[in-house]
């Protein structure tokens, strides 16, 4: 709808999972004031305060976090063969290929160039613990 109308859309909901799925920016409000305005990924990885952390506590991290947020940007992808994935892909969408690979998987940026790698352990940390630890080294 946004693409067709070429307009910004404001969607109000108390369903955090729905907001995470639909929005590219989310404003968390408390007592009529915005306490954090961020991407869904930033809300999950870096909540501004305990209120935001509590609001996002039950969000399924693998459906929100992208490969870019947990990959190793310093890893050399030069010697890696096998599958490649995009930095913008959601963890839930790449879990299968990454978990079945024996080596870290090459991560490609929007220009198609290798920008690092993601390990099985990084994906498992998101899937199993329900929390995410950013491994950004950029």
Protein backbone atom coordinates (compact mmCIF):
# COMPACT_ATOMS: atom_id res chain seq x y z
CA UNK A 1 0.00 0.00 0.00
CA UNK A 2 2.81 2.41 0.89
CA UNK A 3 4.53 1.75 -2.43
CA UNK A 4 1.36 2.41 -4.39
CA UNK A 5 0.36 5.57 -2.51
CA UNK A 6 3.92 6.84 -2.01
CA UNK A 7 2.91 8.10 1.43
CA UNK A 8 4.13 7.47 4.94
CA UNK A 9 1.78 5.38 7.02
CA UNK A 10 1.24 5.68 10.77
CA UNK A 11 -0.04 2.45 12.28
CA UNK A 12 -1.00 2.34 15.95
CA UNK A 13 -0.95 -0.99 17.77
CA UNK A 14 -0.27 -2.52 21.15
CA UNK A 15 0.87 -5.75 19.48
CA UNK A 16 4.65 -5.47 19.50
CA UNK A 17 5.18 -8.51 17.27
CA UNK A 18 2.84 -7.08 14.66
CA UNK A 19 4.65 -3.74 14.75
CA UNK A 20 8.03 -5.46 14.38
CA UNK A 21 6.77 -7.36 11.35
CA UNK A 22 5.22 -4.38 9.55
CA UNK A 23 7.28 -1.32 10.40
CA UNK A 24 10.60 0.07 9.31
CA UNK A 25 10.52 2.55 12.22
CA UNK A 26 8.72 2.18 15.55
CA UNK A 27 7.98 4.79 18.19
CA UNK A 28 7.56 3.41 21.69
CA UNK A 29 5.50 5.78 23.81
CA UNK A 30 4.96 6.02 27.54
CA UNK A 31 2.66 8.54 29.19
CA UNK A 32 2.19 10.36 25.87
CA UNK A 33 5.91 10.81 25.18
CA UNK A 34 8.16 8.98 22.75
CA UNK A 35 10.81 7.10 24.72
CA UNK A 36 12.48 5.51 21.69
CA UNK A 37 12.14 5.89 17.93
CA UNK A 38 14.14 3.20 16.15
CA UNK A 39 14.11 0.36 13.69
CA UNK A 40 12.66 -2.89 15.02
CA UNK A 41 16.18 -4.31 15.12
CA UNK A 42 17.54 -1.39 17.15
CA UNK A 43 14.66 -1.68 19.63
CA UNK A 44 15.52 -5.33 20.25
CA UNK A 45 19.30 -4.90 20.34
CA UNK A 46 19.54 -1.56 22.15
CA UNK A 47 16.42 -0.70 24.13
CA UNK A 48 16.61 2.86 25.47
CA UNK A 49 15.41 1.86 28.93
CA UNK A 50 13.75 -0.88 30.99
CA UNK A 51 10.31 0.09 29.67
CA UNK A 52 11.35 -0.54 26.05
CA UNK A 53 13.18 -3.73 27.06
CA UNK A 54 10.02 -5.02 28.74
CA UNK A 55 7.93 -4.05 25.71
CA UNK A 56 10.17 -6.05 23.35
CA UNK A 57 10.90 -8.94 25.74
CA UNK A 58 8.58 -11.43 24.02
CA UNK A 59 9.56 -10.57 20.46
CA UNK A 60 10.96 -13.54 18.55
CA UNK A 61 14.45 -12.21 17.84
CA UNK A 62 15.07 -14.49 14.84
CA UNK A 63 12.14 -12.87 13.02
CA UNK A 64 13.45 -9.34 13.62
CA UNK A 65 17.23 -9.51 13.53
CA UNK A 66 19.11 -9.45 10.27
CA UNK A 67 22.29 -11.28 9.42
CA UNK A 68 24.12 -7.93 9.53
CA UNK A 69 23.35 -7.51 13.23
CA UNK A 70 24.98 -10.77 14.34
CA UNK A 71 27.56 -11.53 11.64
CA UNK A 72 31.31 -11.15 12.05
CA UNK A 73 32.30 -8.17 9.92
CA UNK A 74 36.00 -8.88 10.48
CA UNK A 75 35.88 -12.48 9.23
CA UNK A 76 37.50 -13.07 5.88
CA UNK A 77 35.07 -14.60 3.44
CA UNK A 78 37.80 -15.15 0.85
CA UNK A 79 38.42 -18.83 1.60
CA UNK A 80 34.81 -19.75 2.17
CA UNK A 81 32.96 -21.79 -0.41
CA UNK A 82 29.40 -22.95 -0.29
CA UNK A 83 26.24 -20.95 0.23
CA UNK A 84 26.05 -17.19 0.45
CA UNK A 85 23.42 -15.10 2.18
CA UNK A 86 22.48 -11.44 2.15
CA UNK A 87 23.25 -9.13 5.09
CA UNK A 88 19.64 -7.90 5.02
CA UNK A 89 18.16 -11.42 5.38
CA UNK A 90 16.35 -12.24 8.63
CA UNK A 91 17.96 -14.87 10.85
CA UNK A 92 14.83 -17.02 10.69
CA UNK A 93 15.15 -17.16 6.89
CA UNK A 94 18.81 -18.25 6.82
CA UNK A 95 18.92 -20.53 9.86
CA UNK A 96 18.64 -23.72 7.79
CA UNK A 97 21.52 -23.07 5.39
CA UNK A 98 23.79 -21.65 8.10
CA UNK A 99 23.13 -24.45 10.59
CA UNK A 100 23.68 -27.15 7.98
CA UNK A 101 26.95 -25.62 6.74
CA UNK A 102 30.18 -26.96 8.20
CA UNK A 103 32.00 -23.63 7.85
CA UNK A 104 30.85 -20.06 8.43
CA UNK A 105 28.69 -18.77 5.59
CA UNK A 106 29.72 -15.81 3.42
CA UNK A 107 27.59 -12.72 3.82
CA UNK A 108 27.03 -10.42 0.86
CA UNK A 109 26.23 -6.73 1.02
CA UNK A 110 23.68 -4.96 -1.17
CA UNK A 111 26.29 -4.62 -3.93
CA UNK A 112 26.92 -8.38 -4.01
CA UNK A 113 30.40 -8.14 -2.49
CA UNK A 114 31.40 -10.33 0.45
CA UNK A 115 31.37 -8.28 3.67
CA UNK A 116 32.00 -10.97 6.27
CA UNK A 117 30.66 -14.27 7.53
CA UNK A 118 28.14 -15.67 9.96
CA UNK A 119 28.75 -18.74 12.09
CA UNK A 120 26.44 -21.47 13.30
CA UNK A 121 27.05 -20.26 16.86
CA UNK A 122 25.83 -16.75 16.06
CA UNK A 123 22.61 -18.12 14.59
CA UNK A 124 22.15 -20.59 17.45
CA UNK A 125 22.58 -17.80 20.00
CA UNK A 126 19.63 -15.97 18.46
CA UNK A 127 17.47 -19.06 17.98
CA UNK A 128 18.06 -20.76 21.32
CA UNK A 129 18.46 -17.99 23.84
CA UNK A 130 15.75 -15.73 22.50
CA UNK A 131 18.15 -12.84 22.94
CA UNK A 132 20.70 -11.39 20.62
CA UNK A 133 24.21 -10.26 21.14
CA UNK A 134 25.41 -8.00 18.38
CA UNK A 135 28.69 -9.18 16.95
CA UNK A 136 29.27 -6.07 14.87
CA UNK A 137 32.93 -5.27 14.54
CA UNK A 138 32.63 -2.47 12.04
